[in-house]
Amino acid sequence: MSGIRPARDPDTWGVFAAAADGRVVVGECSSCRAVLHLPRPYCHRCGSFEVGWRTVAGRGRLWSWTTVHQSIHPAFEAPYTVVVVELDDEPGVRLVGRVPGEPDLEIGMALVARFEPLGGDGDGALVQWDPAEDRRNAWVS
């Protein structure tokens, strides 16, 4: 994906660097282990500035989506679908990503992370999502 480069700020760069290594991460307080989402330089629970990154499974459930039919940037060829995914191993933590085209989606269906490089070495990657092979909806009983 040429032309798109995230800022290398200390609060969020870890997300893009981990994605370049094929990992999904969430911010975490090193003192009390609170999940820091959205990532920030301090813990909202205990006030510590000792924060880091914890790898999560890279699986989630579709929370919401919308399909874009008009291209707004050459790097994003329409149509594509913007998804909001709630992580399986961190309920309440939701990540935004993109699925190519107009797939058949259903709220609660299983999605798996896919990693999209942003350019050359050291440019990081984006976490994107694809429907899982087993697409069963875990939120419907």
N, C-alpha and C. Protein backbone atom coordinates (compact mmCIF):
# COMPACT_ATOMS: atom_id res chain seq x y z
N MET A 1 0.85 -1.16 0.00
CA MET A 1 0.00 0.00 0.00
C MET A 1 0.90 1.22 0.00
N SER A 2 1.20 1.72 -1.14
CA SER A 2 2.13 2.84 -1.25
C SER A 2 1.44 4.15 -0.90
N GLY A 3 2.23 5.08 -0.39
CA GLY A 3 1.73 6.40 -0.09
C GLY A 3 1.12 6.55 1.29
N ILE A 4 0.91 5.47 2.02
CA ILE A 4 0.32 5.53 3.36
C ILE A 4 1.41 5.16 4.35
N ARG A 5 1.70 6.06 5.29
CA ARG A 5 2.70 5.77 6.31
C ARG A 5 2.22 6.33 7.65
N PRO A 6 2.11 5.47 8.66
CA PRO A 6 1.69 5.95 9.97
C PRO A 6 2.79 6.78 10.62
N ALA A 7 2.39 7.69 11.49
CA ALA A 7 3.37 8.47 12.25
C ALA A 7 4.12 7.53 13.19
N ARG A 8 5.38 7.81 13.41
CA ARG A 8 6.19 6.96 14.29
C ARG A 8 6.18 7.52 15.71
N ASP A 9 4.99 7.77 16.22
CA ASP A 9 4.92 8.28 17.59
C ASP A 9 5.00 7.13 18.58
N PRO A 10 5.51 7.37 19.77
CA PRO A 10 5.73 6.28 20.73
C PRO A 10 4.44 5.65 21.25
N ASP A 11 3.33 6.35 21.15
CA ASP A 11 2.08 5.81 21.70
C ASP A 11 1.41 4.80 20.79
N THR A 12 1.64 4.87 19.47
CA THR A 12 0.95 3.97 18.55
C THR A 12 1.85 3.17 17.62
N TRP A 13 3.11 3.55 17.46
CA TRP A 13 3.97 2.89 16.47
C TRP A 13 4.08 1.39 16.74
N GLY A 14 4.01 0.95 17.97
CA GLY A 14 4.11 -0.47 18.30
C GLY A 14 3.07 -1.31 17.58
N VAL A 15 1.89 -0.76 17.33
CA VAL A 15 0.84 -1.49 16.61
C VAL A 15 1.31 -1.81 15.19
N PHE A 16 1.88 -0.82 14.51
CA PHE A 16 2.32 -0.99 13.12
C PHE A 16 3.57 -1.85 13.02
N ALA A 17 4.48 -1.70 13.98
CA ALA A 17 5.71 -2.51 14.00
C ALA A 17 5.37 -3.98 14.26
N ALA A 18 4.46 -4.24 15.19
CA ALA A 18 4.06 -5.62 15.48
C ALA A 18 3.37 -6.24 14.27
N ALA A 19 2.52 -5.47 13.60
CA ALA A 19 1.82 -5.99 12.41
C ALA A 19 2.82 -6.37 11.32
N ALA A 20 3.93 -5.62 11.22
CA ALA A 20 4.97 -5.96 10.24
C ALA A 20 5.60 -7.31 10.56
N ASP A 21 5.53 -7.73 11.84
CA ASP A 21 6.04 -9.03 12.27
C ASP A 21 4.94 -10.09 12.30
N GLY A 22 3.73 -9.73 11.81
CA GLY A 22 2.63 -10.70 11.79
C GLY A 22 1.95 -10.88 13.12
N ARG A 23 1.94 -9.82 13.94
CA ARG A 23 1.31 -9.91 15.27
C ARG A 23 0.30 -8.78 15.45
N VAL A 24 -0.77 -9.08 16.20
CA VAL A 24 -1.72 -8.07 16.65
C VAL A 24 -1.40 -7.81 18.11
N VAL A 25 -1.28 -6.53 18.48
CA VAL A 25 -0.95 -6.17 19.86
C VAL A 25 -1.97 -5.18 20.41
N VAL A 26 -2.06 -5.16 21.74
CA VAL A 26 -2.82 -4.13 22.45
C VAL A 26 -1.89 -3.50 23.47
N GLY A 27 -2.14 -2.23 23.77
CA GLY A 27 -1.36 -1.56 24.81
C GLY A 27 -1.70 -2.15 26.16
N GLU A 28 -0.68 -2.21 27.03
CA GLU A 28 -0.90 -2.78 28.36
C GLU A 28 -0.03 -2.05 29.38
N CYS A 29 -0.60 -1.80 30.55
CA CYS A 29 0.15 -1.22 31.66
C CYS A 29 1.07 -2.29 32.24
N SER A 30 2.33 -1.97 32.39
CA SER A 30 3.29 -2.92 32.95
C SER A 30 3.10 -3.09 34.45
N SER A 31 2.46 -2.13 35.10
CA SER A 31 2.26 -2.19 36.56
C SER A 31 1.02 -2.98 36.95
N CYS A 32 -0.14 -2.62 36.39
CA CYS A 32 -1.39 -3.26 36.82
C CYS A 32 -2.01 -4.16 35.76
N ARG A 33 -1.41 -4.25 34.60
CA ARG A 33 -1.84 -5.10 33.49
C ARG A 33 -3.16 -4.67 32.84
N ALA A 34 -3.60 -3.44 33.04
CA ALA A 34 -4.80 -2.93 32.38
C ALA A 34 -4.54 -2.82 30.88
N VAL A 35 -5.54 -3.14 30.08
CA VAL A 35 -5.44 -2.94 28.64
C VAL A 35 -5.65 -1.46 28.36
N LEU A 36 -4.75 -0.88 27.57
CA LEU A 36 -4.81 0.53 27.24
C LEU A 36 -5.26 0.68 25.80
N HIS A 37 -6.56 0.79 25.64
CA HIS A 37 -7.11 0.93 24.30
C HIS A 37 -8.10 2.07 24.32
N LEU A 38 -7.81 3.05 23.60
CA LEU A 38 -6.78 3.33 22.63
C LEU A 38 -5.43 3.49 23.32
N PRO A 39 -4.32 3.16 22.60
CA PRO A 39 -3.00 3.27 23.21
C PRO A 39 -2.71 4.69 23.71
N ARG A 40 -2.07 4.77 24.87
CA ARG A 40 -1.71 6.07 25.45
C ARG A 40 -0.43 5.92 26.26
N PRO A 41 0.19 7.02 26.63
CA PRO A 41 1.49 6.95 27.30
C PRO A 41 1.40 6.65 28.80
N TYR A 42 0.20 6.56 29.36
CA TYR A 42 0.04 6.31 30.80
C TYR A 42 -1.17 5.42 31.01
N CYS A 43 -1.25 4.82 32.18
CA CYS A 43 -2.36 3.93 32.51
C CYS A 43 -3.53 4.73 33.09
N HIS A 44 -4.70 4.53 32.54
CA HIS A 44 -5.89 5.20 33.03
C HIS A 44 -6.37 4.63 34.36
N ARG A 45 -5.90 3.42 34.72
CA ARG A 45 -6.33 2.80 35.97
C ARG A 45 -5.42 3.18 37.15
N CYS A 46 -4.09 3.03 36.97
CA CYS A 46 -3.19 3.25 38.10
C CYS A 46 -2.29 4.47 37.95
N GLY A 47 -2.28 5.09 36.76
CA GLY A 47 -1.48 6.29 36.54
C GLY A 47 -0.04 6.05 36.16
N SER A 48 0.37 4.79 36.04
CA SER A 48 1.75 4.46 35.70
C SER A 48 2.08 4.90 34.27
N PHE A 49 3.34 5.31 34.08
CA PHE A 49 3.83 5.61 32.74
C PHE A 49 4.64 4.43 32.18
N GLU A 50 4.61 3.30 32.85
CA GLU A 50 5.29 2.08 32.40
C GLU A 50 4.30 1.28 31.56
N VAL A 51 4.28 1.54 30.26
CA VAL A 51 3.34 0.85 29.38
C VAL A 51 4.10 0.11 28.29
N GLY A 52 3.45 -0.88 27.73
CA GLY A 52 4.07 -1.66 26.66
C GLY A 52 3.02 -2.30 25.79
N TRP A 53 3.41 -3.37 25.11
CA TRP A 53 2.54 -4.05 24.15
C TRP A 53 2.41 -5.51 24.51
N ARG A 54 1.20 -6.05 24.36
CA ARG A 54 0.95 -7.47 24.59
C ARG A 54 0.33 -8.06 23.32
N THR A 55 0.89 -9.17 22.86
CA THR A 55 0.37 -9.85 21.67
C THR A 55 -0.94 -10.56 22.01
N VAL A 56 -1.92 -10.40 21.13
CA VAL A 56 -3.20 -11.10 21.25
C VAL A 56 -3.37 -12.02 20.06
N ALA A 57 -4.42 -12.82 20.07
CA ALA A 57 -4.56 -13.92 19.11
C ALA A 57 -4.79 -13.50 17.66
N GLY A 58 -5.32 -12.33 17.39
CA GLY A 58 -5.58 -11.95 16.00
C GLY A 58 -6.84 -12.58 15.45
N ARG A 59 -7.76 -12.89 16.34
CA ARG A 59 -9.08 -13.39 15.95
C ARG A 59 -10.13 -12.52 16.62
N GLY A 60 -11.24 -12.34 15.95
CA GLY A 60 -12.29 -11.52 16.53
C GLY A 60 -13.63 -11.79 15.91
N ARG A 61 -14.59 -10.99 16.32
CA ARG A 61 -15.97 -11.09 15.84
C ARG A 61 -16.38 -9.76 15.23
N LEU A 62 -17.10 -9.83 14.13
CA LEU A 62 -17.55 -8.62 13.45
C LEU A 62 -18.55 -7.87 14.33
N TRP A 63 -18.21 -6.64 14.65
CA TRP A 63 -19.06 -5.79 15.48
C TRP A 63 -19.95 -4.90 14.60
N SER A 64 -19.36 -4.37 13.52
CA SER A 64 -20.09 -3.50 12.60
C SER A 64 -19.30 -3.39 11.30
N TRP A 65 -19.95 -2.91 10.24
CA TRP A 65 -19.26 -2.68 8.98
C TRP A 65 -20.04 -1.72 8.10
N THR A 66 -19.33 -1.17 7.13
CA THR A 66 -19.94 -0.38 6.07
C THR A 66 -19.11 -0.57 4.81
N THR A 67 -19.76 -0.54 3.67
CA THR A 67 -19.06 -0.71 2.41
C THR A 67 -18.91 0.64 1.73
N VAL A 68 -17.71 0.93 1.28
CA VAL A 68 -17.38 2.18 0.58
C VAL A 68 -17.41 1.90 -0.91
N HIS A 69 -18.18 2.69 -1.65
CA HIS A 69 -18.33 2.48 -3.10
C HIS A 69 -17.61 3.52 -3.93
N GLN A 70 -17.18 4.61 -3.32
CA GLN A 70 -16.48 5.66 -4.05
C GLN A 70 -15.08 5.81 -3.47
N SER A 71 -14.07 5.64 -4.30
CA SER A 71 -12.69 5.72 -3.85
C SER A 71 -12.37 7.13 -3.37
N ILE A 72 -11.74 7.21 -2.17
CA ILE A 72 -11.37 8.51 -1.62
C ILE A 72 -9.86 8.73 -1.67
N HIS A 73 -9.11 7.69 -2.03
CA HIS A 73 -7.65 7.77 -2.12
C HIS A 73 -7.19 6.65 -3.05
N PRO A 74 -6.20 6.91 -3.91
CA PRO A 74 -5.74 5.87 -4.85
C PRO A 74 -5.29 4.57 -4.16
N ALA A 75 -4.87 4.64 -2.91
CA ALA A 75 -4.42 3.44 -2.21
C ALA A 75 -5.59 2.54 -1.81
N PHE A 76 -6.80 3.07 -1.85
CA PHE A 76 -7.99 2.31 -1.43
C PHE A 76 -8.96 2.19 -2.60
N GLU A 77 -8.79 1.13 -3.37
CA GLU A 77 -9.64 0.93 -4.54
C GLU A 77 -11.02 0.45 -4.10
N ALA A 78 -12.06 1.17 -4.52
CA ALA A 78 -13.43 0.82 -4.18
C ALA A 78 -13.94 -0.27 -5.13
N PRO A 79 -14.87 -1.11 -4.68
CA PRO A 79 -15.44 -1.08 -3.34
C PRO A 79 -14.56 -1.81 -2.34
N TYR A 80 -14.67 -1.40 -1.09
CA TYR A 80 -14.04 -2.10 0.02
C TYR A 80 -14.94 -1.93 1.23
N THR A 81 -14.74 -2.77 2.21
CA THR A 81 -15.59 -2.77 3.39
C THR A 81 -14.77 -2.44 4.62
N VAL A 82 -15.19 -1.43 5.34
CA VAL A 82 -14.55 -1.05 6.60
C VAL A 82 -15.26 -1.84 7.70
N VAL A 83 -14.46 -2.54 8.53
CA VAL A 83 -15.03 -3.38 9.58
C VAL A 83 -14.55 -2.92 10.96
N VAL A 84 -15.41 -3.13 11.93
CA VAL A 84 -15.04 -2.95 13.34
C VAL A 84 -15.09 -4.34 13.95
N VAL A 85 -13.96 -4.77 14.52
CA VAL A 85 -13.80 -6.13 15.01
C VAL A 85 -13.54 -6.11 16.50
N GLU A 86 -14.33 -6.87 17.27
CA GLU A 86 -14.07 -7.02 18.70
C GLU A 86 -13.18 -8.24 18.90
N LEU A 87 -12.05 -8.04 19.57
CA LEU A 87 -11.08 -9.12 19.75
C LEU A 87 -11.64 -10.23 20.63
N ASP A 88 -11.41 -11.49 20.24
CA ASP A 88 -11.89 -12.63 21.02
C ASP A 88 -11.29 -12.67 22.41
N ASP A 89 -9.98 -12.41 22.52
CA ASP A 89 -9.33 -12.54 23.82
C ASP A 89 -9.27 -11.23 24.61
N GLU A 90 -9.90 -10.18 24.11
CA GLU A 90 -10.02 -8.91 24.84
C GLU A 90 -11.39 -8.29 24.57
N PRO A 91 -12.46 -8.87 25.14
CA PRO A 91 -13.80 -8.32 24.92
C PRO A 91 -13.83 -6.83 25.28
N GLY A 92 -14.48 -6.06 24.44
CA GLY A 92 -14.55 -4.62 24.63
C GLY A 92 -13.50 -3.86 23.84
N VAL A 93 -12.43 -4.54 23.41
CA VAL A 93 -11.41 -3.90 22.58
C VAL A 93 -11.80 -4.14 21.13
N ARG A 94 -12.01 -3.03 20.41
CA ARG A 94 -12.44 -3.11 19.02
C ARG A 94 -11.43 -2.41 18.12
N LEU A 95 -11.07 -3.09 17.04
CA LEU A 95 -10.13 -2.57 16.07
C LEU A 95 -10.83 -2.34 14.74
N VAL A 96 -10.38 -1.34 14.01
CA VAL A 96 -10.94 -1.03 12.70
C VAL A 96 -10.00 -1.57 11.64
N GLY A 97 -10.56 -2.09 10.58
CA GLY A 97 -9.75 -2.59 9.48
C GLY A 97 -10.55 -2.57 8.19
N ARG A 98 -10.00 -3.22 7.19
CA ARG A 98 -10.61 -3.21 5.86
C ARG A 98 -10.62 -4.62 5.30
N VAL A 99 -11.73 -4.94 4.63
CA VAL A 99 -11.88 -6.19 3.90
C VAL A 99 -12.08 -5.81 2.44
N PRO A 100 -11.32 -6.41 1.52
CA PRO A 100 -11.50 -6.05 0.10
C PRO A 100 -12.90 -6.40 -0.39
N GLY A 101 -13.41 -5.59 -1.30
CA GLY A 101 -14.67 -5.89 -1.96
C GLY A 101 -15.88 -5.73 -1.07
N GLU A 102 -16.91 -6.52 -1.40
CA GLU A 102 -18.18 -6.50 -0.68
C GLU A 102 -18.53 -7.91 -0.23
N PRO A 103 -17.83 -8.44 0.76
CA PRO A 103 -18.09 -9.82 1.18
C PRO A 103 -19.45 -9.96 1.88
N ASP A 104 -19.94 -11.18 1.92
CA ASP A 104 -21.17 -11.49 2.64
C ASP A 104 -20.83 -11.56 4.13
N LEU A 105 -21.26 -10.55 4.88
CA LEU A 105 -20.92 -10.45 6.30
C LEU A 105 -22.15 -10.55 7.18
N GLU A 106 -21.91 -10.92 8.44
CA GLU A 106 -22.98 -11.03 9.42
C GLU A 106 -22.41 -10.62 10.78
N ILE A 107 -23.13 -9.78 11.51
CA ILE A 107 -22.68 -9.36 12.84
C ILE A 107 -22.36 -10.60 13.67
N GLY A 108 -21.21 -10.57 14.33
CA GLY A 108 -20.79 -11.67 15.19
C GLY A 108 -20.00 -12.76 14.49
N MET A 109 -19.87 -12.69 13.17
CA MET A 109 -19.13 -13.74 12.47
C MET A 109 -17.64 -13.66 12.80
N ALA A 110 -16.97 -14.79 12.72
CA ALA A 110 -15.55 -14.87 13.03
C ALA A 110 -14.71 -14.24 11.93
N LEU A 111 -13.71 -13.44 12.35
CA LEU A 111 -12.75 -12.84 11.44
C LEU A 111 -11.34 -13.14 11.93
N VAL A 112 -10.39 -13.18 11.02
CA VAL A 112 -8.98 -13.40 11.37
C VAL A 112 -8.15 -12.26 10.80
N ALA A 113 -7.09 -11.94 11.53
CA ALA A 113 -6.21 -10.84 11.11
C ALA A 113 -5.41 -11.22 9.88
N ARG A 114 -5.20 -10.20 9.05
CA ARG A 114 -4.34 -10.29 7.88
C ARG A 114 -3.44 -9.06 7.95
N PHE A 115 -2.20 -9.18 7.52
CA PHE A 115 -1.24 -8.09 7.68
C PHE A 115 -0.85 -7.53 6.33
N GLU A 116 -1.03 -6.23 6.18
CA GLU A 116 -0.80 -5.54 4.91
C GLU A 116 0.40 -4.62 5.04
N PRO A 117 1.54 -4.99 4.42
CA PRO A 117 2.74 -4.14 4.51
C PRO A 117 2.48 -2.75 3.93
N LEU A 118 3.14 -1.76 4.50
CA LEU A 118 2.94 -0.38 4.09
C LEU A 118 4.02 0.14 3.14
N GLY A 119 4.95 -0.65 2.76
CA GLY A 119 5.98 -0.15 1.85
C GLY A 119 7.27 -0.89 2.08
N GLY A 120 8.35 -0.12 2.17
CA GLY A 120 9.68 -0.70 2.34
C GLY A 120 9.93 -1.17 3.76
N ASP A 121 11.13 -1.69 3.98
CA ASP A 121 11.53 -2.16 5.30
C ASP A 121 11.38 -1.04 6.32
N GLY A 122 10.83 -1.37 7.46
CA GLY A 122 10.70 -0.41 8.54
C GLY A 122 9.49 0.50 8.43
N ASP A 123 8.66 0.31 7.40
CA ASP A 123 7.47 1.14 7.24
C ASP A 123 6.28 0.63 8.03
N GLY A 124 6.39 -0.56 8.61
CA GLY A 124 5.28 -1.12 9.37
C GLY A 124 4.26 -1.78 8.47
N ALA A 125 3.14 -2.16 9.10
CA ALA A 125 2.05 -2.82 8.39
C ALA A 125 0.74 -2.46 9.09
N LEU A 126 -0.34 -2.70 8.37
CA LEU A 126 -1.67 -2.51 8.93
C LEU A 126 -2.28 -3.87 9.25
N VAL A 127 -3.06 -3.92 10.32
CA VAL A 127 -3.86 -5.11 10.61
C VAL A 127 -5.16 -4.95 9.84
N GLN A 128 -5.42 -5.90 8.95
CA GLN A 128 -6.68 -5.95 8.21
C GLN A 128 -7.38 -7.25 8.60
N TRP A 129 -8.54 -7.52 8.07
CA TRP A 129 -9.33 -8.67 8.52
C TRP A 129 -9.93 -9.41 7.35
N ASP A 130 -10.06 -10.72 7.51
CA ASP A 130 -10.73 -11.58 6.54
C ASP A 130 -11.70 -12.49 7.28
N PRO A 131 -12.79 -12.89 6.63
CA PRO A 131 -13.67 -13.87 7.26
C PRO A 131 -12.89 -15.16 7.53
N ALA A 132 -13.13 -15.74 8.70
CA ALA A 132 -12.46 -16.99 9.08
C ALA A 132 -13.05 -18.13 8.27
N GLU A 133 -12.29 -19.21 8.14
CA GLU A 133 -12.81 -20.39 7.43
C GLU A 133 -14.07 -20.89 8.10
N ASP A 134 -14.05 -20.94 9.44
CA ASP A 134 -15.24 -21.29 10.21
C ASP A 134 -15.92 -19.98 10.57
N ARG A 135 -16.92 -19.59 9.81
CA ARG A 135 -17.53 -18.28 9.94
C ARG A 135 -18.68 -18.24 10.94
N ARG A 136 -18.88 -19.30 11.72
CA ARG A 136 -20.03 -19.35 12.61
C ARG A 136 -20.12 -18.12 13.49
N ASN A 137 -21.31 -17.69 13.72
CA ASN A 137 -21.59 -16.52 14.54
C ASN A 137 -21.65 -16.96 16.00
N ALA A 138 -20.66 -16.56 16.79
CA ALA A 138 -20.60 -16.95 18.20
C ALA A 138 -21.57 -16.17 19.06
N TRP A 139 -22.14 -15.09 18.55
CA TRP A 139 -23.01 -14.26 19.37
C TRP A 139 -24.49 -14.64 19.25
N VAL A 140 -24.78 -15.60 18.40
CA VAL A 140 -26.17 -16.06 18.25
C VAL A 140 -26.28 -17.41 18.91
N SER A 141 -27.24 -17.52 19.84
CA SER A 141 -27.38 -18.82 20.54
C SER A 141 -28.44 -19.69 19.90
